[in-house]
Amino acid sequence: MITVIENTNQLATALAKRRKELGISQAELASLCDLSVNGISKFESNAGEREIKLSTLLKISQFLGFKLLLEFEE
């Protein structure tokens, strides 16, 4: 199934939902991804109002089982 995410709010919601489905805490995800718990917490709680680096998104997606596809508009 492909889900199109068009903004950081949708991204934050999708990441938090998937993390919870897998039963992974924010602290566990932070440890697995070598990130700060504070950063993950702020991204999720601000519903994506904070920006996320592509490198960070790649780390998180690997552990949450996301496959990222980028599409560029012309």
N, C-alpha and C. Protein backbone atom coordinates (compact mmCIF):
# COMPACT_ATOMS: atom_id res chain seq x y z
N MET A 1 0.84 -1.18 0.00
CA MET A 1 0.00 0.00 0.00
C MET A 1 0.89 1.24 0.00
N ILE A 2 0.56 2.20 -0.81
CA ILE A 2 1.30 3.45 -0.88
C ILE A 2 0.45 4.55 -0.26
N THR A 3 1.05 5.26 0.68
CA THR A 3 0.40 6.40 1.30
C THR A 3 1.16 7.65 0.89
N VAL A 4 0.45 8.58 0.35
CA VAL A 4 1.07 9.84 -0.05
C VAL A 4 1.01 10.81 1.13
N ILE A 5 2.17 11.28 1.52
CA ILE A 5 2.27 12.23 2.63
C ILE A 5 2.70 13.56 2.03
N GLU A 6 1.87 14.56 2.24
CA GLU A 6 2.10 15.84 1.57
C GLU A 6 2.63 16.95 2.47
N ASN A 7 2.67 16.72 3.79
CA ASN A 7 3.18 17.76 4.67
C ASN A 7 3.74 17.14 5.94
N THR A 8 4.44 17.96 6.72
CA THR A 8 5.08 17.44 7.93
C THR A 8 4.08 17.01 8.99
N ASN A 9 2.90 17.59 9.00
CA ASN A 9 1.87 17.18 9.96
C ASN A 9 1.47 15.73 9.69
N GLN A 10 1.21 15.40 8.43
CA GLN A 10 0.85 14.03 8.06
C GLN A 10 2.01 13.08 8.34
N LEU A 11 3.24 13.54 8.11
CA LEU A 11 4.41 12.72 8.37
C LEU A 11 4.55 12.40 9.85
N ALA A 12 4.42 13.40 10.69
CA ALA A 12 4.54 13.19 12.13
C ALA A 12 3.47 12.22 12.63
N THR A 13 2.26 12.37 12.14
CA THR A 13 1.16 11.48 12.53
C THR A 13 1.43 10.06 12.09
N ALA A 14 1.89 9.89 10.86
CA ALA A 14 2.16 8.54 10.33
C ALA A 14 3.30 7.87 11.08
N LEU A 15 4.36 8.61 11.39
CA LEU A 15 5.49 8.03 12.11
C LEU A 15 5.10 7.62 13.52
N ALA A 16 4.37 8.48 14.22
CA ALA A 16 3.94 8.16 15.59
C ALA A 16 3.00 6.96 15.59
N LYS A 17 2.09 6.91 14.64
CA LYS A 17 1.14 5.78 14.56
C LYS A 17 1.88 4.47 14.33
N ARG A 18 2.81 4.47 13.39
CA ARG A 18 3.57 3.25 13.09
C ARG A 18 4.42 2.82 14.28
N ARG A 19 5.06 3.78 14.94
CA ARG A 19 5.88 3.47 16.12
C ARG A 19 5.04 2.79 17.18
N LYS A 20 3.85 3.32 17.43
CA LYS A 20 2.95 2.76 18.43
C LYS A 20 2.44 1.38 18.02
N GLU A 21 2.14 1.20 16.72
CA GLU A 21 1.70 -0.11 16.23
C GLU A 21 2.76 -1.18 16.50
N LEU A 22 4.02 -0.80 16.39
CA LEU A 22 5.12 -1.74 16.61
C LEU A 22 5.47 -1.90 18.08
N GLY A 23 4.84 -1.09 18.93
CA GLY A 23 5.10 -1.18 20.37
C GLY A 23 6.47 -0.65 20.75
N ILE A 24 6.96 0.32 19.99
CA ILE A 24 8.28 0.91 20.26
C ILE A 24 8.07 2.26 20.94
N SER A 25 8.75 2.47 22.04
CA SER A 25 8.66 3.76 22.74
C SER A 25 9.52 4.79 22.01
N GLN A 26 9.29 6.05 22.33
CA GLN A 26 10.11 7.10 21.75
C GLN A 26 11.57 6.91 22.15
N ALA A 27 11.80 6.49 23.38
CA ALA A 27 13.16 6.27 23.86
C ALA A 27 13.83 5.12 23.10
N GLU A 28 13.09 4.05 22.86
CA GLU A 28 13.65 2.92 22.11
C GLU A 28 13.99 3.32 20.68
N LEU A 29 13.09 4.06 20.04
CA LEU A 29 13.33 4.50 18.67
C LEU A 29 14.54 5.42 18.62
N ALA A 30 14.63 6.33 19.57
CA ALA A 30 15.78 7.24 19.62
C ALA A 30 17.08 6.46 19.75
N SER A 31 17.08 5.46 20.61
CA SER A 31 18.28 4.64 20.80
C SER A 31 18.64 3.87 19.53
N LEU A 32 17.65 3.26 18.91
CA LEU A 32 17.89 2.50 17.68
C LEU A 32 18.44 3.37 16.56
N CYS A 33 17.98 4.60 16.49
CA CYS A 33 18.35 5.52 15.41
C CYS A 33 19.50 6.44 15.77
N ASP A 34 20.02 6.32 16.99
CA ASP A 34 21.08 7.19 17.48
C ASP A 34 20.65 8.66 17.40
N LEU A 35 19.44 8.91 17.90
CA LEU A 35 18.86 10.25 17.94
C LEU A 35 18.48 10.58 19.37
N SER A 36 18.09 11.83 19.61
CA SER A 36 17.66 12.21 20.95
C SER A 36 16.16 11.93 21.12
N VAL A 37 15.79 11.52 22.31
CA VAL A 37 14.38 11.32 22.63
C VAL A 37 13.64 12.64 22.51
N ASN A 38 14.29 13.71 22.93
CA ASN A 38 13.69 15.03 22.87
C ASN A 38 13.30 15.40 21.44
N GLY A 39 14.16 15.11 20.48
CA GLY A 39 13.87 15.44 19.09
C GLY A 39 12.67 14.68 18.56
N ILE A 40 12.60 13.39 18.86
CA ILE A 40 11.46 12.58 18.41
C ILE A 40 10.19 13.05 19.09
N SER A 41 10.26 13.30 20.37
CA SER A 41 9.10 13.77 21.12
C SER A 41 8.58 15.09 20.58
N LYS A 42 9.48 16.02 20.33
CA LYS A 42 9.06 17.33 19.82
C LYS A 42 8.44 17.22 18.44
N PHE A 43 9.03 16.38 17.58
CA PHE A 43 8.48 16.23 16.23
C PHE A 43 7.07 15.65 16.30
N GLU A 44 6.89 14.61 17.11
CA GLU A 44 5.57 13.98 17.22
C GLU A 44 4.56 14.88 17.92
N SER A 45 4.95 15.52 19.00
CA SER A 45 4.00 16.31 19.79
C SER A 45 3.62 17.62 19.11
N ASN A 46 4.51 18.15 18.29
CA ASN A 46 4.19 19.38 17.56
C ASN A 46 3.49 19.06 16.26
N ALA A 47 3.12 17.81 16.07
CA ALA A 47 2.41 17.34 14.87
C ALA A 47 3.09 17.84 13.60
N GLY A 48 4.41 17.74 13.60
CA GLY A 48 5.14 18.05 12.39
C GLY A 48 5.45 19.51 12.15
N GLU A 49 5.21 20.36 13.14
CA GLU A 49 5.53 21.77 12.95
C GLU A 49 7.04 21.98 12.91
N ARG A 50 7.77 21.04 13.46
CA ARG A 50 9.23 21.07 13.35
C ARG A 50 9.64 20.36 12.07
N GLU A 51 10.67 20.81 11.46
CA GLU A 51 11.18 20.18 10.24
C GLU A 51 11.99 18.95 10.65
N ILE A 52 12.11 18.01 9.74
CA ILE A 52 12.91 16.83 9.98
C ILE A 52 13.89 16.67 8.82
N LYS A 53 15.15 16.39 9.13
CA LYS A 53 16.16 16.20 8.10
C LYS A 53 15.89 14.89 7.36
N LEU A 54 16.24 14.87 6.10
CA LEU A 54 16.06 13.66 5.31
C LEU A 54 16.88 12.52 5.89
N SER A 55 18.08 12.79 6.36
CA SER A 55 18.92 11.73 6.95
C SER A 55 18.25 11.14 8.19
N THR A 56 17.60 11.98 8.98
CA THR A 56 16.88 11.50 10.16
C THR A 56 15.67 10.68 9.76
N LEU A 57 14.95 11.15 8.76
CA LEU A 57 13.79 10.42 8.27
C LEU A 57 14.19 9.05 7.73
N LEU A 58 15.32 8.98 7.06
CA LEU A 58 15.80 7.70 6.55
C LEU A 58 16.11 6.73 7.69
N LYS A 59 16.74 7.22 8.75
CA LYS A 59 17.03 6.36 9.91
C LYS A 59 15.74 5.84 10.54
N ILE A 60 14.80 6.74 10.77
CA ILE A 60 13.54 6.36 11.41
C ILE A 60 12.76 5.38 10.53
N SER A 61 12.72 5.66 9.25
CA SER A 61 11.94 4.80 8.34
C SER A 61 12.50 3.39 8.30
N GLN A 62 13.81 3.26 8.40
CA GLN A 62 14.43 1.93 8.40
C GLN A 62 13.92 1.09 9.57
N PHE A 63 13.85 1.67 10.75
CA PHE A 63 13.43 0.93 11.93
C PHE A 63 11.93 0.75 12.02
N LEU A 64 11.17 1.65 11.39
CA LEU A 64 9.71 1.53 11.44
C LEU A 64 9.14 0.79 10.23
N GLY A 65 10.01 0.40 9.31
CA GLY A 65 9.56 -0.39 8.16
C GLY A 65 8.92 0.42 7.06
N PHE A 66 9.31 1.68 6.93
CA PHE A 66 8.81 2.53 5.86
C PHE A 66 9.75 2.43 4.66
N LYS A 67 9.20 2.49 3.49
CA LYS A 67 9.98 2.62 2.27
C LYS A 67 9.67 4.01 1.73
N LEU A 68 10.69 4.81 1.57
CA LEU A 68 10.49 6.18 1.11
C LEU A 68 10.65 6.26 -0.40
N LEU A 69 9.72 6.91 -1.02
CA LEU A 69 9.79 7.19 -2.44
C LEU A 69 9.65 8.68 -2.63
N LEU A 70 10.59 9.26 -3.33
CA LEU A 70 10.55 10.70 -3.58
C LEU A 70 10.11 10.93 -5.00
N GLU A 71 9.24 11.87 -5.17
CA GLU A 71 8.78 12.24 -6.50
C GLU A 71 8.97 13.74 -6.67
N PHE A 72 9.64 14.09 -7.73
CA PHE A 72 9.92 15.50 -7.98
C PHE A 72 8.93 16.05 -9.01
N GLU A 73 8.42 17.22 -8.72
CA GLU A 73 7.52 17.88 -9.66
C GLU A 73 8.34 18.67 -10.67
N GLU A 74 7.86 18.71 -11.87
CA GLU A 74 8.56 19.48 -12.91
C GLU A 74 7.86 20.79 -13.14
